[in-house]
N, C-alpha and C. Protein backbone atom coordinates (compact mmCIF):
# COMPACT_ATOMS: atom_id res chain seq x y z
N MET A 1 42.17 -16.10 -5.97
CA MET A 1 41.06 -16.93 -6.06
C MET A 1 40.53 -17.22 -4.58
N PRO A 2 39.45 -16.61 -4.24
CA PRO A 2 38.93 -16.60 -2.93
C PRO A 2 38.48 -18.11 -2.66
N TYR A 3 38.57 -18.54 -1.32
CA TYR A 3 38.08 -19.84 -0.99
C TYR A 3 37.33 -19.49 0.41
N ILE A 4 36.14 -19.81 0.39
CA ILE A 4 35.30 -19.63 1.50
C ILE A 4 34.82 -20.98 2.20
N HIS A 5 35.07 -21.12 3.47
CA HIS A 5 34.79 -22.34 4.15
C HIS A 5 33.66 -22.01 5.22
N ILE A 6 32.48 -22.56 4.88
CA ILE A 6 31.51 -22.42 5.84
C ILE A 6 31.08 -23.77 6.55
N GLN A 7 31.10 -23.64 7.92
CA GLN A 7 30.87 -24.78 8.70
C GLN A 7 29.46 -24.54 9.49
N ILE A 8 28.67 -25.59 9.38
CA ILE A 8 27.20 -25.36 10.09
C ILE A 8 27.11 -26.81 10.75
N THR A 9 26.20 -26.68 11.76
CA THR A 9 25.90 -28.01 12.49
C THR A 9 25.03 -28.73 11.54
N ARG A 10 25.09 -30.04 11.68
CA ARG A 10 24.20 -30.97 10.92
C ARG A 10 22.96 -31.05 11.62
N GLU A 11 21.99 -30.28 11.30
CA GLU A 11 20.60 -30.39 11.89
C GLU A 11 19.78 -29.66 10.99
N GLY A 12 18.49 -29.99 10.98
CA GLY A 12 17.57 -29.47 10.04
C GLY A 12 17.09 -28.06 10.53
N THR A 13 16.64 -27.35 9.45
CA THR A 13 16.20 -26.02 9.64
C THR A 13 14.50 -25.92 9.78
N ALA A 14 13.95 -27.18 9.77
CA ALA A 14 12.57 -27.39 10.00
C ALA A 14 12.34 -28.71 10.63
N PRO A 15 11.10 -28.83 11.33
CA PRO A 15 10.81 -30.06 11.79
C PRO A 15 10.98 -31.26 10.78
N GLY A 16 11.49 -32.40 11.16
CA GLY A 16 11.59 -33.57 10.25
C GLY A 16 13.01 -33.57 9.46
N ARG A 17 13.66 -32.60 9.51
CA ARG A 17 14.89 -32.32 8.84
C ARG A 17 16.11 -32.69 9.65
N ASP A 18 17.11 -33.37 9.08
CA ASP A 18 18.31 -33.63 9.96
C ASP A 18 19.50 -32.93 9.11
N ALA A 19 19.36 -32.08 8.20
CA ALA A 19 20.40 -31.48 7.62
C ALA A 19 19.91 -30.29 6.82
N ALA A 20 20.80 -29.44 6.46
CA ALA A 20 20.39 -28.30 5.56
C ALA A 20 20.00 -28.96 4.13
N THR A 21 19.03 -28.26 3.52
CA THR A 21 18.65 -28.75 2.18
C THR A 21 19.66 -28.42 1.15
N ALA A 22 19.56 -28.95 0.03
CA ALA A 22 20.28 -28.52 -1.07
C ALA A 22 20.02 -27.11 -1.61
N GLU A 23 18.80 -26.77 -1.56
CA GLU A 23 18.43 -25.39 -1.95
C GLU A 23 18.95 -24.41 -0.83
N GLU A 24 19.01 -24.68 0.47
CA GLU A 24 19.66 -23.86 1.46
C GLU A 24 21.16 -23.70 1.22
N LYS A 25 21.73 -24.80 0.95
CA LYS A 25 23.28 -24.78 0.68
C LYS A 25 23.62 -23.93 -0.60
N ALA A 26 22.69 -24.17 -1.69
CA ALA A 26 22.82 -23.32 -2.87
C ALA A 26 22.65 -21.96 -2.54
N ALA A 27 21.90 -21.53 -1.74
CA ALA A 27 21.59 -20.16 -1.28
C ALA A 27 22.89 -19.60 -0.65
N LEU A 28 23.57 -20.54 0.24
CA LEU A 28 24.67 -20.04 0.95
C LEU A 28 25.73 -19.81 0.00
N ILE A 29 25.93 -20.74 -1.00
CA ILE A 29 27.12 -20.64 -2.03
C ILE A 29 26.90 -19.22 -2.72
N LYS A 30 25.69 -19.22 -3.15
CA LYS A 30 25.30 -17.83 -4.06
C LYS A 30 25.54 -16.63 -3.28
N GLY A 31 25.06 -16.67 -2.00
CA GLY A 31 25.26 -15.47 -1.21
C GLY A 31 26.68 -15.10 -0.83
N ALA A 32 27.45 -16.11 -0.43
CA ALA A 32 28.88 -15.82 -0.10
C ALA A 32 29.74 -15.50 -1.26
N SER A 33 29.40 -16.11 -2.44
CA SER A 33 30.15 -15.59 -3.54
C SER A 33 29.70 -14.26 -4.06
N GLN A 34 28.49 -13.90 -3.91
CA GLN A 34 27.99 -12.55 -4.17
C GLN A 34 28.64 -11.53 -3.50
N LEU A 35 28.85 -11.88 -2.05
CA LEU A 35 29.38 -11.03 -1.16
C LEU A 35 30.92 -10.60 -1.59
N MET A 36 31.56 -11.67 -2.01
CA MET A 36 32.96 -11.47 -2.31
C MET A 36 32.97 -10.57 -3.62
N LEU A 37 32.14 -10.74 -4.37
CA LEU A 37 32.03 -9.92 -5.77
C LEU A 37 31.68 -8.45 -5.30
N ASP A 38 30.70 -8.24 -4.44
CA ASP A 38 30.16 -6.92 -4.10
C ASP A 38 31.37 -6.15 -3.24
N VAL A 39 31.90 -6.91 -2.40
CA VAL A 39 32.90 -6.21 -1.44
C VAL A 39 34.40 -6.18 -1.96
N LEU A 40 34.77 -7.18 -2.54
CA LEU A 40 36.23 -7.15 -2.92
C LEU A 40 36.34 -7.33 -4.52
N ASN A 41 35.21 -7.25 -5.23
CA ASN A 41 35.31 -7.28 -6.67
C ASN A 41 35.83 -8.64 -7.23
N LYS A 42 35.71 -9.64 -6.39
CA LYS A 42 36.22 -11.02 -6.83
C LYS A 42 35.21 -11.70 -7.77
N PRO A 43 35.50 -12.11 -8.98
CA PRO A 43 34.55 -12.72 -9.93
C PRO A 43 33.97 -13.95 -9.32
N LEU A 44 32.73 -14.22 -9.62
CA LEU A 44 32.11 -15.32 -9.15
C LEU A 44 32.78 -16.63 -9.72
N GLU A 45 33.35 -16.66 -10.83
CA GLU A 45 33.87 -17.88 -11.24
C GLU A 45 35.22 -18.19 -10.75
N SER A 46 35.75 -17.30 -10.00
CA SER A 46 36.99 -17.66 -9.22
C SER A 46 36.82 -17.82 -7.70
N THR A 47 35.64 -17.86 -7.32
CA THR A 47 35.35 -18.03 -5.91
C THR A 47 34.89 -19.41 -5.64
N PHE A 48 35.62 -20.14 -4.74
CA PHE A 48 35.22 -21.52 -4.30
C PHE A 48 34.56 -21.36 -2.94
N VAL A 49 33.50 -22.13 -2.76
CA VAL A 49 32.82 -22.14 -1.47
C VAL A 49 32.67 -23.78 -0.96
N VAL A 50 33.06 -24.02 0.05
CA VAL A 50 32.96 -25.36 0.69
C VAL A 50 32.10 -25.28 2.03
N ILE A 51 31.08 -26.13 1.96
CA ILE A 51 30.19 -26.35 3.13
C ILE A 51 30.38 -27.55 3.87
N ASP A 52 30.88 -27.52 5.14
CA ASP A 52 30.95 -28.64 5.92
C ASP A 52 29.84 -28.73 6.91
N GLU A 53 29.22 -29.90 7.04
CA GLU A 53 28.19 -30.08 8.11
C GLU A 53 28.74 -30.92 9.21
N VAL A 54 28.67 -30.39 10.42
CA VAL A 54 29.33 -30.96 11.57
C VAL A 54 28.17 -31.47 12.52
N ALA A 55 28.42 -32.71 12.92
CA ALA A 55 27.33 -33.34 13.89
C ALA A 55 27.43 -32.49 15.11
N THR A 56 26.18 -32.31 15.65
CA THR A 56 26.18 -31.38 16.90
C THR A 56 26.89 -31.90 17.95
N GLU A 57 27.13 -33.22 18.15
CA GLU A 57 27.96 -33.67 19.35
C GLU A 57 29.46 -33.28 19.02
N ASN A 58 29.76 -32.88 17.83
CA ASN A 58 31.13 -32.50 17.58
C ASN A 58 31.30 -30.83 17.59
N TRP A 59 30.32 -30.28 18.02
CA TRP A 59 30.27 -28.72 17.96
C TRP A 59 30.24 -28.23 19.47
N GLY A 60 31.02 -27.61 19.87
CA GLY A 60 31.10 -27.00 21.28
C GLY A 60 30.83 -25.49 21.28
N TRP A 61 30.23 -25.06 22.40
CA TRP A 61 29.88 -23.72 22.51
C TRP A 61 29.91 -23.39 24.02
N GLY A 62 30.63 -22.32 24.48
CA GLY A 62 30.55 -21.98 25.84
C GLY A 62 31.11 -23.10 26.85
N GLY A 63 31.97 -23.96 26.34
CA GLY A 63 32.55 -24.97 27.14
C GLY A 63 31.65 -26.26 27.30
N LEU A 64 30.60 -26.26 26.38
CA LEU A 64 29.74 -27.48 26.45
C LEU A 64 29.42 -27.87 25.12
N PRO A 65 28.97 -29.09 24.93
CA PRO A 65 28.52 -29.51 23.56
C PRO A 65 27.25 -28.57 23.29
N ALA A 66 27.10 -28.29 22.01
CA ALA A 66 26.18 -27.29 21.55
C ALA A 66 24.76 -27.49 22.02
N LEU A 67 24.30 -28.79 22.08
CA LEU A 67 22.88 -29.02 22.42
C LEU A 67 22.67 -28.70 23.93
N GLU A 68 23.71 -29.09 24.70
CA GLU A 68 23.63 -28.90 26.18
C GLU A 68 23.83 -27.33 26.47
N TYR A 69 24.58 -26.59 25.72
CA TYR A 69 24.64 -25.14 25.91
C TYR A 69 23.30 -24.42 25.65
N ARG A 70 22.63 -24.92 24.42
CA ARG A 70 21.36 -24.45 24.14
C ARG A 70 20.32 -24.80 25.17
N ARG A 71 20.36 -25.92 25.79
CA ARG A 71 19.53 -26.26 26.78
C ARG A 71 19.60 -25.54 28.11
N GLN A 72 20.76 -25.21 28.50
CA GLN A 72 21.04 -24.36 29.58
C GLN A 72 20.61 -22.99 29.38
N ARG A 73 20.92 -22.34 28.18
CA ARG A 73 20.54 -21.04 27.86
C ARG A 73 19.02 -20.95 27.89
N GLU A 74 18.39 -21.94 27.35
CA GLU A 74 16.81 -21.89 27.34
C GLU A 74 16.27 -21.90 28.81
N ALA A 75 16.84 -22.76 29.60
CA ALA A 75 16.36 -22.86 31.06
C ALA A 75 16.65 -21.50 31.72
N ALA A 76 17.75 -20.76 31.51
CA ALA A 76 18.08 -19.64 32.09
C ALA A 76 17.03 -18.61 31.73
N ARG A 77 16.49 -18.61 30.51
CA ARG A 77 15.67 -17.64 30.14
C ARG A 77 14.26 -17.71 30.81
N LYS A 78 13.95 -18.90 31.26
CA LYS A 78 12.58 -19.04 31.93
C LYS A 78 12.57 -18.71 33.37
């Protein structure tokens, strides 16, 4: 029985949003489950998917909090 654990940062995918929508999460669940079926022949009904949304201040990248890393990366591009 496959178990898929997806972690995403808690931020919106469009202006005014502060989290992924229920529809976006449903698409992640469907897509991850379908991938297990297509690649490993694991039945959809035996695949469990859990999505955790993590506050951006609790997500690090490149030795920095994620938002600071993004700011520095963007500044370096300019």
